[in-house]
Amino acid sequence: GLPEGTYCDVISGDKHCAGCSGKQLHVDREGKAHFYISGEDED
């Protein structure tokens, strides 16, 4: 449901001027994004 663009995951890191300290997610023009989360991830 979000606008197209690249987003910082705020769980694994923070947004900085130069980018993300954690994971990045890309939302396409249809508002869709691909998510991969292992069941063994710390978070």
PDB file of all heavy atoms in Angstrom:
ATOM      1  N   GLY A   1       0.804  -1.225   0.000  1.00  0.00           N
ATOM      2  CA  GLY A   1       0.000   0.000   0.000  1.00  0.00           C
ATOM      3  C   GLY A   1       0.834   1.270   0.000  1.00  0.00           C
ATOM      4  O   GLY A   1       0.285   2.377  -0.006  1.00  0.00           O
ATOM      5  N   LEU A   2       2.167   1.150   0.004  1.00  0.00           N
ATOM      6  CA  LEU A   2       3.057   2.313   0.070  1.00  0.00           C
ATOM      7  C   LEU A   2       3.437   2.809  -1.325  1.00  0.00           C
ATOM      8  O   LEU A   2       3.407   2.040  -2.290  1.00  0.00           O
ATOM      9  CB  LEU A   2       4.323   1.973   0.858  1.00  0.00           C
ATOM     10  CG  LEU A   2       4.269   2.188   2.379  1.00  0.00           C
ATOM     11  CD1 LEU A   2       3.203   1.335   3.018  1.00  0.00           C
ATOM     12  CD2 LEU A   2       5.633   1.920   3.007  1.00  0.00           C
ATOM     13  N   PRO A   3       3.839   4.061  -1.439  1.00  0.00           N
ATOM     14  CA  PRO A   3       4.306   4.597  -2.719  1.00  0.00           C
ATOM     15  C   PRO A   3       5.584   3.901  -3.189  1.00  0.00           C
ATOM     16  O   PRO A   3       6.355   3.371  -2.382  1.00  0.00           O
ATOM     17  CB  PRO A   3       4.568   6.069  -2.413  1.00  0.00           C
ATOM     18  CG  PRO A   3       3.826   6.365  -1.169  1.00  0.00           C
ATOM     19  CD  PRO A   3       3.799   5.096  -0.395  1.00  0.00           C
ATOM     20  N   GLU A   4       5.814   3.932  -4.487  1.00  0.00           N
ATOM     21  CA  GLU A   4       7.013   3.331  -5.068  1.00  0.00           C
ATOM     22  C   GLU A   4       8.266   3.975  -4.489  1.00  0.00           C
ATOM     23  O   GLU A   4       8.316   5.183  -4.242  1.00  0.00           O
ATOM     24  CB  GLU A   4       6.999   3.509  -6.581  1.00  0.00           C
ATOM     25  CG  GLU A   4       8.201   2.901  -7.285  1.00  0.00           C
ATOM     26  CD  GLU A   4       8.172   3.118  -8.787  1.00  0.00           C
ATOM     27  OE1 GLU A   4       7.284   3.873  -9.259  1.00  0.00           O
ATOM     28  OE2 GLU A   4       9.033   2.542  -9.487  1.00  0.00           O
ATOM     29  N   GLY A   5       9.293   3.151  -4.267  1.00  0.00           N
ATOM     30  CA  GLY A   5      10.557   3.676  -3.790  1.00  0.00           C
ATOM     31  C   GLY A   5      11.330   2.637  -3.006  1.00  0.00           C
ATOM     32  O   GLY A   5      10.882   1.499  -2.813  1.00  0.00           O
ATOM     33  N   THR A   6      12.514   3.040  -2.528  1.00  0.00           N
ATOM     34  CA  THR A   6      13.363   2.185  -1.704  1.00  0.00           C
ATOM     35  C   THR A   6      13.268   2.639  -0.255  1.00  0.00           C
ATOM     36  O   THR A   6      13.407   3.828   0.038  1.00  0.00           O
ATOM     37  CB  THR A   6      14.819   2.234  -2.186  1.00  0.00           C
ATOM     38  OG1 THR A   6      14.867   1.795  -3.550  1.00  0.00           O
ATOM     39  CG2 THR A   6      15.708   1.344  -1.339  1.00  0.00           C
ATOM     40  N   TYR A   7      13.047   1.681   0.628  1.00  0.00           N
ATOM     41  CA  TYR A   7      12.799   1.975   2.036  1.00  0.00           C
ATOM     42  C   TYR A   7      13.819   1.262   2.917  1.00  0.00           C
ATOM     43  O   TYR A   7      14.278   0.158   2.608  1.00  0.00           O
ATOM     44  CB  TYR A   7      11.402   1.497   2.452  1.00  0.00           C
ATOM     45  CG  TYR A   7      10.262   2.237   1.800  1.00  0.00           C
ATOM     46  CD1 TYR A   7       9.878   1.960   0.482  1.00  0.00           C
ATOM     47  CD2 TYR A   7       9.542   3.200   2.500  1.00  0.00           C
ATOM     48  CE1 TYR A   7       8.807   2.626  -0.114  1.00  0.00           C
ATOM     49  CE2 TYR A   7       8.482   3.868   1.916  1.00  0.00           C
ATOM     50  CZ  TYR A   7       8.125   3.582   0.613  1.00  0.00           C
ATOM     51  OH  TYR A   7       7.076   4.254   0.037  1.00  0.00           O
ATOM     52  N   CYS A   8      14.139   1.881   4.035  1.00  0.00           N
ATOM     53  CA  CYS A   8      14.967   1.243   5.062  1.00  0.00           C
ATOM     54  C   CYS A   8      14.076   0.459   6.017  1.00  0.00           C
ATOM     55  O   CYS A   8      13.057   0.982   6.496  1.00  0.00           O
ATOM     56  CB  CYS A   8      15.750   2.277   5.858  1.00  0.00           C
ATOM     57  SG  CYS A   8      16.937   3.230   4.908  1.00  0.00           S
ATOM     58  N   ASP A   9      14.468  -0.776   6.303  1.00  0.00           N
ATOM     59  CA  ASP A   9      13.811  -1.553   7.358  1.00  0.00           C
ATOM     60  C   ASP A   9      14.252  -0.978   8.700  1.00  0.00           C
ATOM     61  O   ASP A   9      15.445  -0.970   9.017  1.00  0.00           O
ATOM     62  CB  ASP A   9      14.206  -3.021   7.251  1.00  0.00           C
ATOM     63  CG  ASP A   9      13.840  -3.827   8.482  1.00  0.00           C
ATOM     64  OD1 ASP A   9      12.793  -3.525   9.086  1.00  0.00           O
ATOM     65  OD2 ASP A   9      14.617  -4.733   8.845  1.00  0.00           O
ATOM     66  N   VAL A  10      13.302  -0.491   9.487  1.00  0.00           N
ATOM     67  CA  VAL A  10      13.653   0.182  10.740  1.00  0.00           C
ATOM     68  C   VAL A  10      13.861  -0.798  11.890  1.00  0.00           C
ATOM     69  O   VAL A  10      14.185  -0.382  13.010  1.00  0.00           O
ATOM     70  CB  VAL A  10      12.599   1.243  11.125  1.00  0.00           C
ATOM     71  CG1 VAL A  10      12.523   2.320  10.053  1.00  0.00           C
ATOM     72  CG2 VAL A  10      11.229   0.609  11.365  1.00  0.00           C
ATOM     73  N   ILE A  11      13.707  -2.093  11.635  1.00  0.00           N
ATOM     74  CA  ILE A  11      13.982  -3.095  12.664  1.00  0.00           C
ATOM     75  C   ILE A  11      15.449  -3.481  12.646  1.00  0.00           C
ATOM     76  O   ILE A  11      16.112  -3.514  13.684  1.00  0.00           O
ATOM     77  CB  ILE A  11      13.090  -4.340  12.468  1.00  0.00           C
ATOM     78  CG1 ILE A  11      11.610  -3.947  12.472  1.00  0.00           C
ATOM     79  CG2 ILE A  11      13.388  -5.390  13.538  1.00  0.00           C
ATOM     80  CD1 ILE A  11      11.165  -3.170  13.686  1.00  0.00           C
ATOM     81  N   SER A  12      15.993  -3.724  11.465  1.00  0.00           N
ATOM     82  CA  SER A  12      17.394  -4.152  11.365  1.00  0.00           C
ATOM     83  C   SER A  12      18.365  -2.981  11.388  1.00  0.00           C
ATOM     84  O   SER A  12      19.575  -3.179  11.533  1.00  0.00           O
ATOM     85  CB  SER A  12      17.609  -4.977  10.092  1.00  0.00           C
ATOM     86  OG  SER A  12      17.261  -4.226   8.934  1.00  0.00           O
ATOM     87  N   GLY A  13      17.871  -1.755  11.219  1.00  0.00           N
ATOM     88  CA  GLY A  13      18.770  -0.608  11.209  1.00  0.00           C
ATOM     89  C   GLY A  13      18.021   0.707  11.149  1.00  0.00           C
ATOM     90  O   GLY A  13      16.825   0.772  11.448  1.00  0.00           O
ATOM     91  N   ASP A  14      18.728   1.735  10.729  1.00  0.00           N
ATOM     92  CA  ASP A  14      18.176   3.083  10.654  1.00  0.00           C
ATOM     93  C   ASP A  14      18.401   3.665   9.266  1.00  0.00           C
ATOM     94  O   ASP A  14      19.270   3.221   8.513  1.00  0.00           O
ATOM     95  CB  ASP A  14      18.859   3.994  11.689  1.00  0.00           C
ATOM     96  CG  ASP A  14      18.590   3.563  13.111  1.00  0.00           C
ATOM     97  OD1 ASP A  14      17.433   3.652  13.548  1.00  0.00           O
ATOM     98  OD2 ASP A  14      19.546   3.134  13.786  1.00  0.00           O
ATOM     99  N   LYS A  15      17.630   4.692   8.953  1.00  0.00           N
ATOM    100  CA  LYS A  15      17.856   5.465   7.742  1.00  0.00           C
ATOM    101  C   LYS A  15      18.895   6.542   8.036  1.00  0.00           C
ATOM    102  O   LYS A  15      18.804   7.256   9.026  1.00  0.00           O
ATOM    103  CB  LYS A  15      16.553   6.108   7.278  1.00  0.00           C
ATOM    104  CG  LYS A  15      16.701   7.057   6.088  1.00  0.00           C
ATOM    105  CD  LYS A  15      15.406   7.789   5.818  1.00  0.00           C
ATOM    106  CE  LYS A  15      15.605   8.878   4.778  1.00  0.00           C
ATOM    107  NZ  LYS A  15      14.382   9.684   4.562  1.00  0.00           N
ATOM    108  N   HIS A  16      19.892   6.650   7.142  1.00  0.00           N
ATOM    109  CA  HIS A  16      20.893   7.691   7.240  1.00  0.00           C
ATOM    110  C   HIS A  16      20.932   8.456   5.923  1.00  0.00           C
ATOM    111  O   HIS A  16      20.352   8.032   4.921  1.00  0.00           O
ATOM    112  CB  HIS A  16      22.273   7.099   7.544  1.00  0.00           C
ATOM    113  CG  HIS A  16      22.335   6.364   8.853  1.00  0.00           C
ATOM    114  ND1 HIS A  16      22.193   6.999  10.056  1.00  0.00           N
ATOM    115  CD2 HIS A  16      22.506   5.050   9.145  1.00  0.00           C
ATOM    116  CE1 HIS A  16      22.297   6.120  11.045  1.00  0.00           C
ATOM    117  NE2 HIS A  16      22.474   4.920  10.512  1.00  0.00           N
ATOM    118  N   CYS A  17      21.640   9.557   5.926  1.00  0.00           N
ATOM    119  CA  CYS A  17      21.746  10.358   4.700  1.00  0.00           C
ATOM    120  C   CYS A  17      22.293   9.531   3.546  1.00  0.00           C
ATOM    121  O   CYS A  17      21.870   9.682   2.394  1.00  0.00           O
ATOM    122  CB  CYS A  17      22.645  11.570   4.944  1.00  0.00           C
ATOM    123  SG  CYS A  17      21.954  12.745   6.134  1.00  0.00           S
ATOM    124  N   ALA A  18      23.231   8.638   3.861  1.00  0.00           N
ATOM    125  CA  ALA A  18      23.880   7.846   2.810  1.00  0.00           C
ATOM    126  C   ALA A  18      23.120   6.567   2.471  1.00  0.00           C
ATOM    127  O   ALA A  18      23.489   5.847   1.544  1.00  0.00           O
ATOM    128  CB  ALA A  18      25.297   7.503   3.234  1.00  0.00           C
ATOM    129  N   GLY A  19      22.062   6.248   3.210  1.00  0.00           N
ATOM    130  CA  GLY A  19      21.323   5.014   2.944  1.00  0.00           C
ATOM    131  C   GLY A  19      20.802   4.385   4.211  1.00  0.00           C
ATOM    132  O   GLY A  19      20.428   5.086   5.159  1.00  0.00           O
ATOM    133  N   CYS A  20      20.806   3.057   4.237  1.00  0.00           N
ATOM    134  CA  CYS A  20      20.266   2.294   5.366  1.00  0.00           C
ATOM    135  C   CYS A  20      21.391   1.557   6.073  1.00  0.00           C
ATOM    136  O   CYS A  20      22.261   0.977   5.421  1.00  0.00           O
ATOM    137  CB  CYS A  20      19.239   1.271   4.891  1.00  0.00           C
ATOM    138  SG  CYS A  20      17.928   1.927   3.827  1.00  0.00           S
ATOM    139  N   SER A  21      21.343   1.531   7.383  1.00  0.00           N
ATOM    140  CA  SER A  21      22.317   0.740   8.140  1.00  0.00           C
ATOM    141  C   SER A  21      21.877  -0.712   8.255  1.00  0.00           C
ATOM    142  O   SER A  21      22.667  -1.569   8.647  1.00  0.00           O
ATOM    143  CB  SER A  21      22.536   1.332   9.530  1.00  0.00           C
ATOM    144  OG  SER A  21      21.340   1.296  10.282  1.00  0.00           O
ATOM    145  N   GLY A  22      20.613  -1.000   7.904  1.00  0.00           N
ATOM    146  CA  GLY A  22      20.093  -2.365   7.905  1.00  0.00           C
ATOM    147  C   GLY A  22      19.610  -2.767   6.522  1.00  0.00           C
ATOM    148  O   GLY A  22      20.170  -2.352   5.498  1.00  0.00           O
ATOM    149  N   LYS A  23      18.564  -3.538   6.485  1.00  0.00           N
ATOM    150  CA  LYS A  23      18.022  -4.037   5.211  1.00  0.00           C
ATOM    151  C   LYS A  23      17.352  -2.913   4.420  1.00  0.00           C
ATOM    152  O   LYS A  23      16.845  -1.950   4.992  1.00  0.00           O
ATOM    153  CB  LYS A  23      16.988  -5.139   5.474  1.00  0.00           C
ATOM    154  CG  LYS A  23      17.524  -6.363   6.188  1.00  0.00           C
ATOM    155  CD  LYS A  23      16.385  -7.326   6.509  1.00  0.00           C
ATOM    156  CE  LYS A  23      16.867  -8.518   7.322  1.00  0.00           C
ATOM    157  NZ  LYS A  23      15.728  -9.411   7.696  1.00  0.00           N
ATOM    158  N   GLN A  24      17.350  -3.088   3.083  1.00  0.00           N
ATOM    159  CA  GLN A  24      16.605  -2.205   2.194  1.00  0.00           C
ATOM    160  C   GLN A  24      15.497  -2.992   1.510  1.00  0.00           C
ATOM    161  O   GLN A  24      15.678  -4.160   1.166  1.00  0.00           O
ATOM    162  CB  GLN A  24      17.506  -1.596   1.114  1.00  0.00           C
ATOM    163  CG  GLN A  24      18.485  -0.575   1.611  1.00  0.00           C
ATOM    164  CD  GLN A  24      19.233   0.092   0.471  1.00  0.00           C
ATOM    165  OE1 GLN A  24      18.864  -0.062  -0.698  1.00  0.00           O
ATOM    166  NE2 GLN A  24      20.285   0.834   0.787  1.00  0.00           N
ATOM    167  N   LEU A  25      14.343  -2.374   1.319  1.00  0.00           N
ATOM    168  CA  LEU A  25      13.208  -2.988   0.612  1.00  0.00           C
ATOM    169  C   LEU A  25      12.784  -2.059  -0.513  1.00  0.00           C
ATOM    170  O   LEU A  25      12.674  -0.844  -0.312  1.00  0.00           O
ATOM    171  CB  LEU A  25      12.021  -3.199   1.558  1.00  0.00           C
ATOM    172  CG  LEU A  25      12.042  -4.358   2.567  1.00  0.00           C
ATOM    173  CD1 LEU A  25      12.104  -5.693   1.861  1.00  0.00           C
ATOM    174  CD2 LEU A  25      13.119  -4.203   3.621  1.00  0.00           C
ATOM    175  N   HIS A  26      12.536  -2.649  -1.706  1.00  0.00           N
ATOM    176  CA  HIS A  26      12.057  -1.827  -2.825  1.00  0.00           C
ATOM    177  C   HIS A  26      10.572  -2.088  -3.049  1.00  0.00           C
ATOM    178  O   HIS A  26      10.146  -3.232  -3.209  1.00  0.00           O
ATOM    179  CB  HIS A  26      12.833  -2.121  -4.105  1.00  0.00           C
ATOM    180  CG  HIS A  26      12.381  -1.268  -5.253  1.00  0.00           C
ATOM    181  ND1 HIS A  26      12.673   0.078  -5.338  1.00  0.00           N
ATOM    182  CD2 HIS A  26      11.604  -1.567  -6.337  1.00  0.00           C
ATOM    183  CE1 HIS A  26      12.107   0.571  -6.426  1.00  0.00           C
ATOM    184  NE2 HIS A  26      11.468  -0.400  -7.050  1.00  0.00           N
ATOM    185  N   VAL A  27       9.788  -1.024  -3.050  1.00  0.00           N
ATOM    186  CA  VAL A  27       8.354  -1.097  -3.353  1.00  0.00           C
ATOM    187  C   VAL A  27       8.176  -0.655  -4.799  1.00  0.00           C
ATOM    188  O   VAL A  27       8.646   0.420  -5.201  1.00  0.00           O
ATOM    189  CB  VAL A  27       7.551  -0.186  -2.400  1.00  0.00           C
ATOM    190  CG1 VAL A  27       6.074  -0.176  -2.787  1.00  0.00           C
ATOM    191  CG2 VAL A  27       7.716  -0.649  -0.949  1.00  0.00           C
ATOM    192  N   ASP A  28       7.490  -1.497  -5.604  1.00  0.00           N
ATOM    193  CA  ASP A  28       7.329  -1.171  -7.019  1.00  0.00           C
ATOM    194  C   ASP A  28       6.152  -0.224  -7.229  1.00  0.00           C
ATOM    195  O   ASP A  28       5.477   0.187  -6.275  1.00  0.00           O
ATOM    196  CB  ASP A  28       7.202  -2.441  -7.868  1.00  0.00           C
ATOM    197  CG  ASP A  28       5.938  -3.247  -7.582  1.00  0.00           C
ATOM    198  OD1 ASP A  28       4.947  -2.680  -7.057  1.00  0.00           O
ATOM    199  OD2 ASP A  28       5.914  -4.447  -7.892  1.00  0.00           O
ATOM    200  N   ARG A  29       5.901   0.116  -8.481  1.00  0.00           N
ATOM    201  CA  ARG A  29       4.873   1.106  -8.784  1.00  0.00           C
ATOM    202  C   ARG A  29       3.469   0.632  -8.432  1.00  0.00           C
ATOM    203  O   ARG A  29       2.547   1.438  -8.307  1.00  0.00           O
ATOM    204  CB  ARG A  29       4.933   1.489 -10.266  1.00  0.00           C
ATOM    205  CG  ARG A  29       4.590   0.383 -11.244  1.00  0.00           C
ATOM    206  CD  ARG A  29       4.719   0.872 -12.680  1.00  0.00           C
ATOM    207  NE  ARG A  29       6.090   1.287 -12.980  1.00  0.00           N
ATOM    208  CZ  ARG A  29       6.438   1.863 -14.130  1.00  0.00           C
ATOM    209  NH1 ARG A  29       5.536   2.094 -15.064  1.00  0.00           N
ATOM    210  NH2 ARG A  29       7.700   2.201 -14.333  1.00  0.00           N
ATOM    211  N   GLU A  30       3.302  -0.673  -8.254  1.00  0.00           N
ATOM    212  CA  GLU A  30       2.006  -1.221  -7.840  1.00  0.00           C
ATOM    213  C   GLU A  30       1.894  -1.329  -6.319  1.00  0.00           C
ATOM    214  O   GLU A  30       0.894  -1.825  -5.802  1.00  0.00           O
ATOM    215  CB  GLU A  30       1.792  -2.595  -8.474  1.00  0.00           C
ATOM    216  CG  GLU A  30       1.670  -2.541  -9.993  1.00  0.00           C
ATOM    217  CD  GLU A  30       1.463  -3.920 -10.596  1.00  0.00           C
ATOM    218  OE1 GLU A  30       1.688  -4.924  -9.863  1.00  0.00           O
ATOM    219  OE2 GLU A  30       1.060  -3.997 -11.768  1.00  0.00           O
ATOM    220  N   GLY A  31       2.917  -0.907  -5.607  1.00  0.00           N
ATOM    221  CA  GLY A  31       2.902  -0.960  -4.145  1.00  0.00           C
ATOM    222  C   GLY A  31       3.323  -2.301  -3.578  1.00  0.00           C
ATOM    223  O   GLY A  31       3.152  -2.535  -2.377  1.00  0.00           O
ATOM    224  N   LYS A  32       3.902  -3.162  -4.416  1.00  0.00           N
ATOM    225  CA  LYS A  32       4.307  -4.493  -3.950  1.00  0.00           C
ATOM    226  C   LYS A  32       5.795  -4.521  -3.631  1.00  0.00           C
ATOM    227  O   LYS A  32       6.598  -3.804  -4.239  1.00  0.00           O
ATOM    228  CB  LYS A  32       3.974  -5.551  -5.004  1.00  0.00           C
ATOM    229  CG  LYS A  32       2.484  -5.704  -5.283  1.00  0.00           C
ATOM    230  CD  LYS A  32       2.221  -6.815  -6.271  1.00  0.00           C
ATOM    231  CE  LYS A  32       0.742  -6.905  -6.641  1.00  0.00           C
ATOM    232  NZ  LYS A  32      -0.099  -7.222  -5.463  1.00  0.00           N
ATOM    233  N   ALA A  33       6.159  -5.377  -2.681  1.00  0.00           N
ATOM    234  CA  ALA A  33       7.565  -5.556  -2.305  1.00  0.00           C
ATOM    235  C   ALA A  33       7.793  -7.012  -1.930  1.00  0.00           C
ATOM    236  O   ALA A  33       6.869  -7.705  -1.476  1.00  0.00           O
ATOM    237  CB  ALA A  33       7.940  -4.648  -1.139  1.00  0.00           C
ATOM    238  N   HIS A  34       9.027  -7.457  -2.135  1.00  0.00           N
ATOM    239  CA  HIS A  34       9.378  -8.836  -1.781  1.00  0.00           C
ATOM    240  C   HIS A  34      10.042  -8.864  -0.413  1.00  0.00           C
ATOM    241  O   HIS A  34      10.957  -8.083  -0.135  1.00  0.00           O
ATOM    242  CB  HIS A  34      10.316  -9.452  -2.826  1.00  0.00           C
ATOM    243  CG  HIS A  34      10.629 -10.881  -2.548  1.00  0.00           C
ATOM    244  ND1 HIS A  34      11.816 -11.294  -1.995  1.00  0.00           N
ATOM    245  CD2 HIS A  34       9.878 -12.016  -2.709  1.00  0.00           C
ATOM    246  CE1 HIS A  34      11.795 -12.605  -1.843  1.00  0.00           C
ATOM    247  NE2 HIS A  34      10.631 -13.073  -2.268  1.00  0.00           N
ATOM    248  N   PHE A  35       9.580  -9.787   0.435  1.00  0.00           N
ATOM    249  CA  PHE A  35      10.087  -9.913   1.797  1.00  0.00           C
ATOM    250  C   PHE A  35      10.652 -11.317   2.008  1.00  0.00           C
ATOM    251  O   PHE A  35      10.001 -12.315   1.664  1.00  0.00           O
ATOM    252  CB  PHE A  35       8.981  -9.655   2.813  1.00  0.00           C
ATOM    253  CG  PHE A  35       8.446  -8.250   2.763  1.00  0.00           C
ATOM    254  CD1 PHE A  35       7.398  -7.920   1.914  1.00  0.00           C
ATOM    255  CD2 PHE A  35       9.004  -7.252   3.548  1.00  0.00           C
ATOM    256  CE1 PHE A  35       6.909  -6.623   1.854  1.00  0.00           C
ATOM    257  CE2 PHE A  35       8.532  -5.956   3.489  1.00  0.00           C
ATOM    258  CZ  PHE A  35       7.474  -5.638   2.641  1.00  0.00           C
ATOM    259  N   TYR A  36      11.835 -11.363   2.592  1.00  0.00           N
ATOM    260  CA  TYR A  36      12.460 -12.634   2.945  1.00  0.00           C
ATOM    261  C   TYR A  36      12.900 -12.542   4.397  1.00  0.00           C
ATOM    262  O   TYR A  36      13.737 -11.704   4.763  1.00  0.00           O
ATOM    263  CB  TYR A  36      13.674 -12.910   2.050  1.00  0.00           C
ATOM    264  CG  TYR A  36      14.353 -14.243   2.340  1.00  0.00           C
ATOM    265  CD1 TYR A  36      13.978 -15.395   1.656  1.00  0.00           C
ATOM    266  CD2 TYR A  36      15.346 -14.339   3.319  1.00  0.00           C
ATOM    267  CE1 TYR A  36      14.583 -16.621   1.923  1.00  0.00           C
ATOM    268  CE2 TYR A  36      15.948 -15.548   3.604  1.00  0.00           C
ATOM    269  CZ  TYR A  36      15.563 -16.682   2.904  1.00  0.00           C
ATOM    270  OH  TYR A  36      16.153 -17.896   3.179  1.00  0.00           O
ATOM    271  N   ILE A  37      12.312 -13.384   5.245  1.00  0.00           N
ATOM    272  CA  ILE A  37      12.652 -13.389   6.674  1.00  0.00           C
ATOM    273  C   ILE A  37      12.852 -14.834   7.108  1.00  0.00           C
ATOM    274  O   ILE A  37      11.914 -15.644   7.067  1.00  0.00           O
ATOM    275  CB  ILE A  37      11.539 -12.749   7.537  1.00  0.00           C
ATOM    276  CG1 ILE A  37      11.165 -11.359   7.039  1.00  0.00           C
ATOM    277  CG2 ILE A  37      11.982 -12.688   8.995  1.00  0.00           C
ATOM    278  CD1 ILE A  37       9.972 -10.751   7.768  1.00  0.00           C
ATOM    279  N   SER A  38      14.048 -15.165   7.519  1.00  0.00           N
ATOM    280  CA  SER A  38      14.321 -16.502   8.030  1.00  0.00           C
ATOM    281  C   SER A  38      13.709 -16.675   9.409  1.00  0.00           C
ATOM    282  O   SER A  38      13.678 -15.733  10.215  1.00  0.00           O
ATOM    283  CB  SER A  38      15.833 -16.738   8.105  1.00  0.00           C
ATOM    284  OG  SER A  38      16.124 -17.917   8.835  1.00  0.00           O
ATOM    285  N   GLY A  39      13.239 -17.865   9.679  1.00  0.00           N
ATOM    286  CA  GLY A  39      12.722 -18.157  11.013  1.00  0.00           C
ATOM    287  C   GLY A  39      13.797 -18.166  12.070  1.00  0.00           C
ATOM    288  O   GLY A  39      13.499 -18.190  13.264  1.00  0.00           O
ATOM    289  N   GLU A  40      15.065 -18.124  11.635  1.00  0.00           N
ATOM    290  CA  GLU A  40      16.179 -18.127  12.575  1.00  0.00           C
ATOM    291  C   GLU A  40      16.765 -16.732  12.776  1.00  0.00           C
ATOM    292  O   GLU A  40      17.728 -16.572  13.531  1.00  0.00           O
ATOM    293  CB  GLU A  40      17.270 -19.084  12.078  1.00  0.00           C
ATOM    294  CG  GLU A  40      16.803 -20.540  12.013  1.00  0.00           C
ATOM    295  CD  GLU A  40      17.895 -21.463  11.496  1.00  0.00           C
ATOM    296  OE1 GLU A  40      18.959 -20.946  11.096  1.00  0.00           O
ATOM    297  OE2 GLU A  40      17.667 -22.684  11.488  1.00  0.00           O
ATOM    298  N   ASP A  41      16.220 -15.717  12.104  1.00  0.00           N
ATOM    299  CA  ASP A  41      16.729 -14.360  12.270  1.00  0.00           C
ATOM    300  C   ASP A  41      16.613 -13.911  13.720  1.00  0.00           C
ATOM    301  O   ASP A  41      15.651 -14.277  14.425  1.00  0.00           O
ATOM    302  CB  ASP A  41      15.960 -13.377  11.390  1.00  0.00           C
ATOM    303  CG  ASP A  41      16.342 -13.481   9.920  1.00  0.00           C
ATOM    304  OD1 ASP A  41      17.317 -14.203   9.614  1.00  0.00           O
ATOM    305  OD2 ASP A  41      15.661 -12.852   9.089  1.00  0.00           O
ATOM    306  N   GLU A  42      17.559 -13.101  14.144  1.00  0.00           N
ATOM    307  CA  GLU A  42      17.505 -12.564  15.511  1.00  0.00           C
ATOM    308  C   GLU A  42      16.213 -11.791  15.734  1.00  0.00           C
ATOM    309  O   GLU A  42      15.587 -11.892  16.789  1.00  0.00           O
ATOM    310  CB  GLU A  42      18.710 -11.657  15.759  1.00  0.00           C
ATOM    311  CG  GLU A  42      18.726 -11.041  17.146  1.00  0.00           C
ATOM    312  CD  GLU A  42      19.878 -10.082  17.354  1.00  0.00           C
ATOM    313  OE1 GLU A  42      20.738  -9.998  16.460  1.00  0.00           O
ATOM    314  OE2 GLU A  42      19.919  -9.419  18.409  1.00  0.00           O
ATOM    315  N   ASP A  43      15.823 -10.994  14.753  1.00  0.00           N
ATOM    316  CA  ASP A  43      14.564 -10.246  14.791  1.00  0.00           C
ATOM    317  C   ASP A  43      13.772 -10.598  13.543  1.00  0.00           C
ATOM    318  O   ASP A  43      13.937  -9.959  12.496  1.00  0.00           O
ATOM    319  CB  ASP A  43      14.826  -8.737  14.836  1.00  0.00           C
ATOM    320  CG  ASP A  43      15.562  -8.316  16.092  1.00  0.00           C
ATOM    321  OD1 ASP A  43      15.185  -8.799  17.175  1.00  0.00           O
ATOM    322  OD2 ASP A  43      16.506  -7.515  15.984  1.00  0.00           O
TER     323      ASP A  43
END
